[in-house]
Amino acid sequence: MSFREWHDRWWNARVVEPHTLRGDASNIKNHVMPYWADWEMRAITRMDVQSWIRALVEKGVGAAAIKRAYNLTSSIMRTAVDDDVIAVSPCRSIDLPQIAVKPPQWFTVDQAQSVLDELPDPWRTMCLLGFYTGLRWGELSGLHRHRIDQRRSRLFVVEVNAKSGIKEYPKSSKSRREVPLPPYVLEAIERHIHRLDRDALVFTTITKGRAGRRLDDGNWRRQTWWPAVEGAYYFDNDGEQQLVPHYPPHSMRHTCASWLVQKGVSLYEVQHLLGHESFQTTQRYAHLQPDAHKAVLGAWERMEAPLTVAA
């Protein structure tokens, strides 16, 4: 059986979200099929897979795209093993290019306030909630009125607004979670929801003639978020007026985590608040801890005869 034949059977049996299918189809078309389509499944060795990865690197394909292509190919091979098409998967012990991890982009308090001040009322409340809960955009725009417990100052993350519609959170068990609300955030939320039906979405479109509809990520960014960011200014440490950094909506989530870590909240607690599946994801904020370098600096201070340089 050729790789193309097995791929077609594998593809038709997949159960994934439509937007995932679109991304996977593009990746396979560009990076997988041009290399593997006519290979016989049984002829592909581990070294052949490693050579394919090397060829993608030399073509200048990005590390993230290579990883996705490899993961898809590995999935194709695993199912081939399960169906006895091949005896063992060639996708094992493969060296992949490292994906550079960017430091989290977060706003200072002054920058965040400037963005809030540029937003219209309902979006000001939505983004205030984003800054103080770290909810993902899909979680914010998928929040329902009955998921807010005003008596206990909590909200529950259950549904998410995805491209295909509102759905219960399947991402991971940790994505479903309880999130505390500071009093001033709860007050803003209560003003916003007091006329809403119990099962209504908290944040919906407000355009005349189209009000009350589920928010679209792209439209909301283009019509609401970016105009606010581009019109927001703050004063730096030298008293100079500066434009707020051009960060996307997801930076509200990074901002929440960064502020909490700087205030001494443990990475463990931040992990559970944000619903991170992996602790490694949360460790991106470790350098912001107040005592991050305390032990190192303390060790140098305890040196009996430190090195010196003559003036």
Protein backbone atom coordinates (compact mmCIF):
# COMPACT_ATOMS: atom_id res chain seq x y z
CA MET A 1 0.00 0.00 0.00
CA SER A 2 1.26 3.48 -0.85
CA PHE A 3 1.46 6.29 1.66
CA ARG A 4 -1.17 8.24 -0.29
CA GLU A 5 -3.64 5.32 -0.18
CA TRP A 6 -3.25 4.85 3.57
CA HIS A 7 -3.39 8.61 4.19
CA ASP A 8 -6.75 8.81 2.40
CA ARG A 9 -8.23 6.05 4.57
CA TRP A 10 -6.80 7.63 7.72
CA TRP A 11 -8.08 11.09 6.77
CA ASN A 12 -11.65 9.89 6.12
CA ALA A 13 -11.78 8.24 9.55
CA ARG A 14 -10.60 11.26 11.60
CA VAL A 15 -12.86 12.94 14.14
CA VAL A 16 -11.54 16.46 14.79
CA GLU A 17 -12.78 20.04 14.71
CA PRO A 18 -13.37 21.60 11.25
CA HIS A 19 -10.77 24.36 11.75
CA THR A 20 -8.22 21.71 12.81
CA LEU A 21 -8.98 19.76 9.64
CA ARG A 22 -8.35 22.84 7.53
CA GLY A 23 -4.99 23.52 9.14
CA ASP A 24 -3.96 19.88 8.91
CA ALA A 25 -4.98 19.66 5.26
CA SER A 26 -2.83 22.65 4.39
CA ASN A 27 0.17 21.28 6.26
CA ILE A 28 -0.12 17.84 4.68
CA LYS A 29 -0.50 19.34 1.20
CA ASN A 30 2.59 21.53 1.60
CA HIS A 31 4.98 19.44 3.68
CA VAL A 32 3.94 15.78 3.81
CA MET A 33 2.47 14.63 0.50
CA PRO A 34 5.16 16.13 -1.79
CA TYR A 35 7.69 13.85 -0.09
CA TRP A 36 5.82 10.69 0.92
CA ALA A 37 2.86 10.28 -1.46
CA ASP A 38 4.32 7.54 -3.68
CA TRP A 39 6.37 5.70 -1.05
CA GLU A 40 5.32 2.17 -0.17
CA MET A 41 4.30 2.17 3.51
CA ARG A 42 6.46 -0.85 4.36
CA ALA A 43 9.53 0.71 2.74
CA ILE A 44 9.67 3.78 5.01
CA THR A 45 12.38 3.54 7.68
CA ARG A 46 13.19 5.66 10.70
CA MET A 47 16.19 7.10 8.87
CA ASP A 48 13.96 8.04 5.92
CA VAL A 49 11.78 10.05 8.30
CA GLN A 50 14.84 11.75 9.78
CA SER A 51 16.06 12.62 6.27
CA TRP A 52 12.65 14.12 5.47
CA ILE A 53 12.88 16.34 8.55
CA ARG A 54 16.37 17.43 7.47
CA ALA A 55 15.04 18.29 4.00
CA LEU A 56 12.28 20.46 5.50
CA VAL A 57 14.83 22.29 7.65
CA GLU A 58 17.04 22.95 4.64
CA LYS A 59 14.03 24.30 2.70
CA GLY A 60 13.54 26.87 5.46
CA VAL A 61 10.25 25.50 6.79
CA GLY A 62 9.52 26.85 10.27
CA ALA A 63 10.03 24.66 13.33
CA ALA A 64 6.34 24.78 14.30
CA ALA A 65 5.21 23.72 10.81
CA ILE A 66 7.76 20.87 10.84
CA LYS A 67 6.53 19.67 14.21
CA ARG A 68 2.92 19.67 13.00
CA ALA A 69 3.87 17.80 9.81
CA TYR A 70 5.80 15.24 11.85
CA ASN A 71 2.97 14.75 14.36
CA LEU A 72 0.49 14.18 11.55
CA THR A 73 2.81 11.70 9.85
CA SER A 74 3.41 9.95 13.16
CA SER A 75 -0.36 9.63 13.66
CA ILE A 76 -0.72 8.16 10.18
CA MET A 77 1.98 5.61 10.97
CA ARG A 78 0.54 4.67 14.39
CA THR A 79 -2.84 3.85 12.87
CA ALA A 80 -1.07 1.82 10.18
CA VAL A 81 0.54 -0.24 12.95
CA ASP A 82 -2.82 -0.65 14.69
CA ASP A 83 -4.35 -1.96 11.45
CA ASP A 84 -1.40 -4.28 10.71
CA VAL A 85 -0.44 -2.38 7.56
CA ILE A 86 3.12 -2.06 8.94
CA ALA A 87 4.81 -3.85 11.83
CA VAL A 88 6.37 -0.85 13.55
CA SER A 89 6.17 2.91 13.12
CA PRO A 90 9.24 4.59 11.59
CA CYS A 91 8.36 7.76 13.55
CA ARG A 92 10.41 7.12 16.65
CA SER A 93 13.48 8.80 18.17
CA ILE A 94 13.35 11.55 15.55
CA ASP A 95 15.28 14.79 16.13
CA LEU A 96 13.11 17.83 15.45
CA PRO A 97 14.20 21.49 15.25
CA GLN A 98 13.65 23.39 18.47
CA ILE A 99 10.72 25.81 18.56
CA ALA A 100 11.84 29.12 20.03
CA VAL A 101 9.66 29.97 23.03
CA LYS A 102 8.86 33.67 23.11
CA PRO A 103 8.64 35.36 26.51
CA PRO A 104 5.05 36.21 27.44
CA GLN A 105 3.83 39.62 26.27
CA TRP A 106 2.14 41.46 29.11
CA PHE A 107 0.93 44.95 29.89
CA THR A 108 1.84 47.08 32.88
CA VAL A 109 -1.06 48.37 34.99
CA ASP A 110 -0.85 51.81 33.31
CA GLN A 111 -0.84 50.25 29.84
CA ALA A 112 -3.79 47.99 30.65
CA GLN A 113 -5.77 50.92 32.06
CA SER A 114 -5.08 52.92 28.90
CA VAL A 115 -6.47 50.09 26.76
CA LEU A 116 -9.57 49.80 28.97
CA ASP A 117 -10.18 53.55 28.71
CA GLU A 118 -10.23 53.31 24.91
CA LEU A 119 -12.84 50.54 24.83
CA PRO A 120 -16.63 51.01 24.67
CA ASP A 121 -18.55 49.99 27.80
CA PRO A 122 -19.37 46.28 27.25
CA TRP A 123 -15.89 45.54 25.96
CA ARG A 124 -14.33 47.41 28.88
CA THR A 125 -16.09 44.98 31.22
CA MET A 126 -15.08 42.00 29.10
CA CYS A 127 -11.42 43.00 29.07
CA LEU A 128 -11.43 43.87 32.77
CA LEU A 129 -12.54 40.29 33.32
CA GLY A 130 -9.78 39.09 30.98
CA PHE A 131 -7.06 40.97 32.85
CA TYR A 132 -8.19 39.69 36.26
CA THR A 133 -9.08 36.08 35.43
CA GLY A 134 -6.71 35.12 32.62
CA LEU A 135 -9.56 33.54 30.64
CA ARG A 136 -8.80 32.74 27.02
CA TRP A 137 -10.72 34.82 24.47
CA GLY A 138 -12.91 31.83 23.60
CA GLU A 139 -13.69 31.36 27.30
CA LEU A 140 -14.59 35.04 27.74
CA SER A 141 -16.83 35.12 24.68
CA GLY A 142 -18.33 31.73 25.57
CA LEU A 143 -19.20 32.67 29.16
CA HIS A 144 -22.87 32.21 30.10
CA ARG A 145 -24.82 34.19 32.68
CA HIS A 146 -25.53 31.14 34.86
CA ARG A 147 -21.80 30.31 35.11
CA ILE A 148 -21.28 33.38 37.33
CA ASP A 149 -21.83 32.72 41.05
CA GLN A 150 -22.37 36.22 42.45
CA ARG A 151 -22.82 35.01 46.03
CA ARG A 152 -19.43 33.30 46.12
CA SER A 153 -17.67 35.75 43.75
CA ARG A 154 -16.75 32.97 41.36
CA LEU A 155 -17.24 32.01 37.75
CA PHE A 156 -17.03 28.57 36.20
CA VAL A 157 -15.27 27.90 32.91
CA VAL A 158 -17.29 25.24 31.11
CA GLU A 159 -18.20 26.44 27.61
CA VAL A 160 -15.91 27.91 24.99
CA ASN A 161 -16.69 29.95 21.88
CA ALA A 162 -15.02 28.14 18.96
CA LYS A 163 -15.19 28.75 15.22
CA SER A 164 -17.82 26.01 14.96
CA GLY A 165 -19.99 27.52 17.74
CA ILE A 166 -20.41 27.30 21.51
CA LYS A 167 -19.34 23.93 22.91
CA GLU A 168 -18.53 22.43 26.27
CA TYR A 169 -14.82 22.50 26.96
CA PRO A 170 -13.15 19.35 25.62
CA LYS A 171 -9.58 20.67 25.60
CA SER A 172 -8.55 19.07 28.88
CA SER A 173 -9.85 18.32 32.36
CA LYS A 174 -7.90 21.32 33.69
CA SER A 175 -9.57 23.74 31.27
CA ARG A 176 -12.82 23.31 33.20
CA ARG A 177 -12.22 25.26 36.36
CA GLU A 178 -13.48 27.66 39.00
CA VAL A 179 -12.07 31.20 38.90
CA PRO A 180 -12.33 33.74 41.77
CA LEU A 181 -13.48 37.30 41.05
CA PRO A 182 -12.13 40.37 42.92
CA PRO A 183 -14.95 42.58 44.34
CA TYR A 184 -14.42 45.42 41.83
CA VAL A 185 -14.53 42.99 38.91
CA LEU A 186 -17.69 41.34 40.26
CA GLU A 187 -19.34 44.76 40.58
CA ALA A 188 -18.61 45.56 36.94
CA ILE A 189 -19.93 42.15 35.85
CA GLU A 190 -23.10 42.56 37.92
CA ARG A 191 -23.86 45.88 36.23
CA HIS A 192 -23.42 44.19 32.88
CA ILE A 193 -25.52 41.04 33.46
CA HIS A 194 -28.44 42.26 35.57
CA ARG A 195 -30.85 42.29 32.58
CA LEU A 196 -29.60 39.10 30.94
CA ASP A 197 -31.52 35.82 30.88
CA ARG A 198 -30.02 33.01 32.92
CA ASP A 199 -28.83 31.03 29.89
CA ALA A 200 -27.67 34.03 27.83
CA LEU A 201 -24.13 34.64 26.71
CA VAL A 202 -22.58 37.41 28.79
CA PHE A 203 -20.82 39.12 25.87
CA THR A 204 -22.40 39.33 22.41
CA THR A 205 -22.41 41.66 19.41
CA ILE A 206 -23.76 45.18 19.97
CA THR A 207 -24.01 46.51 16.40
CA LYS A 208 -27.46 47.91 15.65
CA GLY A 209 -29.52 45.33 13.78
CA ARG A 210 -27.06 42.55 14.64
CA ALA A 211 -27.02 42.75 18.44
CA GLY A 212 -27.03 39.64 20.59
CA ARG A 213 -25.08 37.37 18.27
CA ARG A 214 -22.13 35.16 19.15
CA LEU A 215 -18.84 37.04 18.85
CA ASP A 216 -16.42 36.28 16.04
CA ASP A 217 -12.75 36.37 17.04
CA GLY A 218 -11.47 38.01 13.86
CA ASN A 219 -14.20 40.65 13.71
CA TRP A 220 -13.81 41.50 17.39
CA ARG A 221 -10.06 41.96 17.06
CA ARG A 222 -10.39 44.11 13.96
CA GLN A 223 -13.32 46.26 15.08
CA THR A 224 -12.72 46.48 18.85
CA TRP A 225 -9.34 45.37 20.16
CA TRP A 226 -6.88 46.84 17.66
CA PRO A 227 -8.52 50.29 17.47
CA ALA A 228 -8.35 50.49 21.28
CA VAL A 229 -4.71 49.41 21.44
CA GLU A 230 -3.71 51.76 18.62
CA GLY A 231 -5.36 54.69 20.38
CA ALA A 232 -3.97 53.97 23.86
CA TYR A 233 -1.05 55.92 25.34
CA TYR A 234 0.78 55.72 28.67
CA PHE A 235 3.62 57.60 30.37
CA ASP A 236 6.94 55.76 30.73
CA ASN A 237 9.39 56.08 33.64
CA ASP A 238 10.85 59.25 32.13
CA GLY A 239 7.44 60.90 31.89
CA GLU A 240 7.35 60.53 28.11
CA GLN A 241 4.06 59.64 26.45
CA GLN A 242 4.28 56.34 24.57
CA LEU A 243 1.94 54.16 22.55
CA VAL A 244 0.85 51.00 24.33
CA PRO A 245 2.61 47.88 22.94
CA HIS A 246 0.81 46.30 19.99
CA TYR A 247 -0.11 43.08 21.80
CA PRO A 248 -3.04 40.78 20.81
CA PRO A 249 -6.03 39.94 23.05
CA HIS A 250 -4.28 36.82 24.35
CA SER A 251 -1.86 39.16 26.14
CA MET A 252 -4.62 39.79 28.72
CA ARG A 253 -4.08 36.20 29.81
CA HIS A 254 -0.30 36.69 30.00
CA THR A 255 -0.84 39.95 31.88
CA CYS A 256 -2.99 38.26 34.51
CA ALA A 257 -0.37 35.55 35.11
CA SER A 258 2.51 38.05 35.15
CA TRP A 259 0.85 40.34 37.68
CA LEU A 260 0.02 37.43 39.99
CA VAL A 261 3.53 35.97 39.88
CA GLN A 262 5.05 39.39 40.59
CA LYS A 263 2.77 39.64 43.64
CA GLY A 264 4.11 36.35 44.99
CA VAL A 265 1.36 33.94 43.90
CA SER A 266 2.90 30.50 43.37
CA LEU A 267 3.31 29.10 39.88
CA TYR A 268 1.26 26.10 41.01
CA GLU A 269 -1.73 28.32 41.80
CA VAL A 270 -1.32 30.26 38.54
CA GLN A 271 -1.29 26.99 36.62
CA HIS A 272 -4.65 25.98 38.07
CA LEU A 273 -6.16 29.44 37.66
CA LEU A 274 -5.29 29.54 33.95
CA GLY A 275 -6.08 25.89 33.31
CA HIS A 276 -2.64 24.99 31.96
CA GLU A 277 -2.36 21.28 31.27
CA SER A 278 1.44 21.36 31.58
CA PHE A 279 3.42 23.03 34.37
CA GLN A 280 6.07 23.85 31.77
CA THR A 281 3.65 26.34 30.21
CA THR A 282 3.32 28.16 33.53
CA GLN A 283 7.09 28.19 34.09
CA ARG A 284 7.40 30.87 31.42
CA TYR A 285 6.51 33.34 34.16
CA ALA A 286 9.06 32.07 36.71
CA HIS A 287 11.56 34.88 36.00
CA LEU A 288 8.99 37.40 37.26
CA GLN A 289 8.91 35.97 40.77
CA PRO A 290 10.14 38.51 43.36
CA ASP A 291 12.66 36.02 44.76
CA ALA A 292 13.62 34.48 41.39
CA HIS A 293 17.33 35.29 41.86
CA LYS A 294 17.40 35.70 45.63
CA ALA A 295 19.38 32.53 46.31
CA VAL A 296 21.98 33.33 43.65
CA LEU A 297 22.53 36.90 44.86
CA GLY A 298 22.64 35.70 48.45
CA ALA A 299 25.40 33.24 47.59
CA TRP A 300 27.56 35.98 46.04
CA GLU A 301 27.03 38.22 49.05
CA ARG A 302 28.25 35.45 51.34
CA MET A 303 31.58 35.10 49.53
CA GLU A 304 34.38 35.86 51.95
CA ALA A 305 36.70 37.43 49.35
CA PRO A 306 34.83 38.57 46.25
CA LEU A 307 36.71 39.44 43.10
CA THR A 308 37.48 43.11 42.57
CA VAL A 309 38.54 45.35 39.72
CA ALA A 310 40.71 48.38 40.45
CA ALA A 311 39.04 51.72 39.75
